[in-house]
Amino acid sequence: MDLLTFVEQDNTLERSLPAFRSGDTVAVHYKIREGNKERVQVFQGIVLQRRGSAATETFTVRKMSNGIGVERIFPVASPFIEKVDLLTRGVVRRARIFYLRQAKGKAARIKAKR
């Protein structure tokens, strides 16, 4: 085992996130610090991708806010993520669904798995 893997293994905290993948709709409860106050903000959207492994794993969530697409990248090992709720499972055939960026209206919907 090389030194980098050893350090990553030592510094990662075990998370109990639900098993989600691209196309799923999730609600990420994220802690935000403003001065000396701390609050939890919910970012709800569709998972575009999951990438990386172990301590460097991230996932990208996209939501529409007032007709404007907003994307945010969350590290899986972040201590600021309080919890992730899996709302719906989506039926997609790709690991990275960046085609949603160009889709508008009804074409931007993802079929839900029953």
C-alpha atoms as a PDB file:
ATOM      1  CA  MET A   1       0.000   0.000   0.000  1.00  0.00           C
ATOM      2  CA  ASP A   2       1.476   3.342  -0.983  1.00  0.00           C
ATOM      3  CA  LEU A   3       1.644   6.318   1.336  1.00  0.00           C
ATOM      4  CA  LEU A   4      -1.115   8.318  -0.383  1.00  0.00           C
ATOM      5  CA  THR A   5      -3.658   5.508  -0.020  1.00  0.00           C
ATOM      6  CA  PHE A   6      -2.689   5.038   3.612  1.00  0.00           C
ATOM      7  CA  VAL A   7      -3.229   8.735   4.427  1.00  0.00           C
ATOM      8  CA  GLU A   8      -6.557   8.832   2.548  1.00  0.00           C
ATOM      9  CA  GLN A   9      -7.758   5.748   4.406  1.00  0.00           C
ATOM     10  CA  ASP A  10      -6.741   7.211   7.731  1.00  0.00           C
ATOM     11  CA  ASN A  11      -8.450  10.592   7.214  1.00  0.00           C
ATOM     12  CA  THR A  12     -11.770   9.536   5.675  1.00  0.00           C
ATOM     13  CA  LEU A  13     -14.833   9.405   7.851  1.00  0.00           C
ATOM     14  CA  GLU A  14     -17.359   6.644   7.272  1.00  0.00           C
ATOM     15  CA  ARG A  15     -20.588   7.996   5.797  1.00  0.00           C
ATOM     16  CA  SER A  16     -23.916   6.267   5.559  1.00  0.00           C
ATOM     17  CA  LEU A  17     -25.189   7.876   2.366  1.00  0.00           C
ATOM     18  CA  PRO A  18     -27.940   6.107   0.423  1.00  0.00           C
ATOM     19  CA  ALA A  19     -26.960   4.258  -2.734  1.00  0.00           C
ATOM     20  CA  PHE A  20     -27.781   6.808  -5.421  1.00  0.00           C
ATOM     21  CA  ARG A  21     -26.533   7.208  -8.990  1.00  0.00           C
ATOM     22  CA  SER A  22     -26.952   9.520 -11.944  1.00  0.00           C
ATOM     23  CA  GLY A  23     -30.557  10.301 -12.828  1.00  0.00           C
ATOM     24  CA  ASP A  24     -31.790  10.064  -9.246  1.00  0.00           C
ATOM     25  CA  THR A  25     -33.399  13.040  -7.528  1.00  0.00           C
ATOM     26  CA  VAL A  26     -31.789  13.791  -4.171  1.00  0.00           C
ATOM     27  CA  ALA A  27     -32.072  16.392  -1.438  1.00  0.00           C
ATOM     28  CA  VAL A  28     -28.691  17.277   0.058  1.00  0.00           C
ATOM     29  CA  HIS A  29     -28.857  18.818   3.538  1.00  0.00           C
ATOM     30  CA  TYR A  30     -25.744  21.014   3.644  1.00  0.00           C
ATOM     31  CA  LYS A  31     -24.462  23.004   6.631  1.00  0.00           C
ATOM     32  CA  ILE A  32     -23.773  26.675   5.892  1.00  0.00           C
ATOM     33  CA  ARG A  33     -21.809  28.967   8.193  1.00  0.00           C
ATOM     34  CA  GLU A  34     -22.608  32.655   8.252  1.00  0.00           C
ATOM     35  CA  GLY A  35     -20.408  34.418  10.770  1.00  0.00           C
ATOM     36  CA  ASN A  36     -20.749  32.517  14.026  1.00  0.00           C
ATOM     37  CA  LYS A  37     -24.178  31.053  13.117  1.00  0.00           C
ATOM     38  CA  GLU A  38     -24.714  27.733  11.372  1.00  0.00           C
ATOM     39  CA  ARG A  39     -27.796  26.581   9.477  1.00  0.00           C
ATOM     40  CA  VAL A  40     -28.792  23.716   7.199  1.00  0.00           C
ATOM     41  CA  GLN A  41     -29.746  24.450   3.610  1.00  0.00           C
ATOM     42  CA  VAL A  42     -31.415  21.865   1.370  1.00  0.00           C
ATOM     43  CA  PHE A  43     -30.227  21.586  -2.240  1.00  0.00           C
ATOM     44  CA  GLN A  44     -32.674  19.400  -4.175  1.00  0.00           C
ATOM     45  CA  GLY A  45     -32.027  18.300  -7.739  1.00  0.00           C
ATOM     46  CA  ILE A  46     -30.999  15.582 -10.176  1.00  0.00           C
ATOM     47  CA  VAL A  47     -27.645  13.842  -9.851  1.00  0.00           C
ATOM     48  CA  LEU A  48     -25.698  14.379 -13.080  1.00  0.00           C
ATOM     49  CA  GLN A  49     -22.651  12.292 -12.203  1.00  0.00           C
ATOM     50  CA  ARG A  50     -20.629  10.573  -9.515  1.00  0.00           C
ATOM     51  CA  ARG A  51     -16.883  10.536  -9.957  1.00  0.00           C
ATOM     52  CA  GLY A  52     -13.731   9.669  -8.070  1.00  0.00           C
ATOM     53  CA  SER A  53     -13.246   7.072  -5.386  1.00  0.00           C
ATOM     54  CA  ALA A  54     -12.690   6.856  -1.638  1.00  0.00           C
ATOM     55  CA  ALA A  55     -11.779  10.249  -0.155  1.00  0.00           C
ATOM     56  CA  THR A  56     -11.899  12.109  -3.473  1.00  0.00           C
ATOM     57  CA  GLU A  57     -15.374  10.988  -4.563  1.00  0.00           C
ATOM     58  CA  THR A  58     -17.766  13.773  -5.604  1.00  0.00           C
ATOM     59  CA  PHE A  59     -21.251  14.029  -7.053  1.00  0.00           C
ATOM     60  CA  THR A  60     -22.828  16.810  -9.107  1.00  0.00           C
ATOM     61  CA  VAL A  61     -26.429  17.895  -8.498  1.00  0.00           C
ATOM     62  CA  ARG A  62     -28.390  20.129 -10.884  1.00  0.00           C
ATOM     63  CA  LYS A  63     -31.582  22.017 -10.090  1.00  0.00           C
ATOM     64  CA  MET A  64     -33.654  24.661 -11.814  1.00  0.00           C
ATOM     65  CA  SER A  65     -34.011  27.928  -9.904  1.00  0.00           C
ATOM     66  CA  ASN A  66     -36.360  30.495 -11.486  1.00  0.00           C
ATOM     67  CA  GLY A  67     -35.724  29.039 -14.944  1.00  0.00           C
ATOM     68  CA  ILE A  68     -31.937  29.061 -14.535  1.00  0.00           C
ATOM     69  CA  GLY A  69     -29.979  25.835 -14.171  1.00  0.00           C
ATOM     70  CA  VAL A  70     -27.785  25.694 -11.060  1.00  0.00           C
ATOM     71  CA  GLU A  71     -25.196  22.964 -10.552  1.00  0.00           C
ATOM     72  CA  ARG A  72     -23.253  22.209  -7.410  1.00  0.00           C
ATOM     73  CA  ILE A  73     -20.480  19.701  -6.765  1.00  0.00           C
ATOM     74  CA  PHE A  74     -20.497  18.003  -3.369  1.00  0.00           C
ATOM     75  CA  PRO A  75     -17.585  15.949  -1.974  1.00  0.00           C
ATOM     76  CA  VAL A  76     -18.908  12.697  -0.497  1.00  0.00           C
ATOM     77  CA  ALA A  77     -16.472  12.900   2.421  1.00  0.00           C
ATOM     78  CA  SER A  78     -17.441  16.468   3.344  1.00  0.00           C
ATOM     79  CA  PRO A  79     -18.203  17.033   7.030  1.00  0.00           C
ATOM     80  CA  PHE A  80     -20.686  19.755   5.982  1.00  0.00           C
ATOM     81  CA  ILE A  81     -23.117  17.241   4.439  1.00  0.00           C
ATOM     82  CA  GLU A  82     -25.603  16.445   7.166  1.00  0.00           C
ATOM     83  CA  LYS A  83     -27.622  13.916   5.179  1.00  0.00           C
ATOM     84  CA  VAL A  84     -28.714  12.991   1.675  1.00  0.00           C
ATOM     85  CA  ASP A  85     -32.320  11.981   1.020  1.00  0.00           C
ATOM     86  CA  LEU A  86     -33.074   9.851  -2.033  1.00  0.00           C
ATOM     87  CA  LEU A  87     -36.399  11.152  -3.374  1.00  0.00           C
ATOM     88  CA  THR A  88     -36.877   9.310  -6.692  1.00  0.00           C
ATOM     89  CA  ARG A  89     -34.885   6.874  -8.771  1.00  0.00           C
ATOM     90  CA  GLY A  90     -34.453   7.837 -12.397  1.00  0.00           C
ATOM     91  CA  VAL A  91     -34.171   5.623 -15.459  1.00  0.00           C
ATOM     92  CA  VAL A  92     -31.081   6.693 -17.424  1.00  0.00           C
ATOM     93  CA  ARG A  93     -28.638   4.702 -19.521  1.00  0.00           C
ATOM     94  CA  ARG A  94     -25.544   6.788 -18.891  1.00  0.00           C
ATOM     95  CA  ALA A  95     -23.240   7.445 -15.953  1.00  0.00           C
ATOM     96  CA  ARG A  96     -22.942  11.135 -16.844  1.00  0.00           C
ATOM     97  CA  ILE A  97     -26.096  12.840 -18.071  1.00  0.00           C
ATOM     98  CA  PHE A  98     -24.763  16.190 -19.227  1.00  0.00           C
ATOM     99  CA  TYR A  99     -27.303  16.218 -22.063  1.00  0.00           C
ATOM    100  CA  LEU A 100     -29.776  17.665 -19.524  1.00  0.00           C
ATOM    101  CA  ARG A 101     -27.927  20.983 -19.762  1.00  0.00           C
ATOM    102  CA  GLN A 102     -29.220  21.564 -23.293  1.00  0.00           C
ATOM    103  CA  ALA A 103     -32.673  20.024 -22.783  1.00  0.00           C
ATOM    104  CA  LYS A 104     -35.564  22.387 -22.132  1.00  0.00           C
ATOM    105  CA  GLY A 105     -39.131  21.904 -20.945  1.00  0.00           C
ATOM    106  CA  LYS A 106     -40.558  18.409 -21.088  1.00  0.00           C
ATOM    107  CA  ALA A 107     -37.401  17.065 -22.733  1.00  0.00           C
ATOM    108  CA  ALA A 108     -35.508  17.775 -19.501  1.00  0.00           C
ATOM    109  CA  ARG A 109     -37.603  15.304 -17.508  1.00  0.00           C
ATOM    110  CA  ILE A 110     -36.293  11.917 -16.436  1.00  0.00           C
ATOM    111  CA  LYS A 111     -38.608   8.934 -16.222  1.00  0.00           C
ATOM    112  CA  ALA A 112     -38.998   7.633 -12.667  1.00  0.00           C
ATOM    113  CA  LYS A 113     -38.332   3.996 -11.876  1.00  0.00           C
ATOM    114  CA  ARG A 114     -41.384   2.253 -10.452  1.00  0.00           C
END
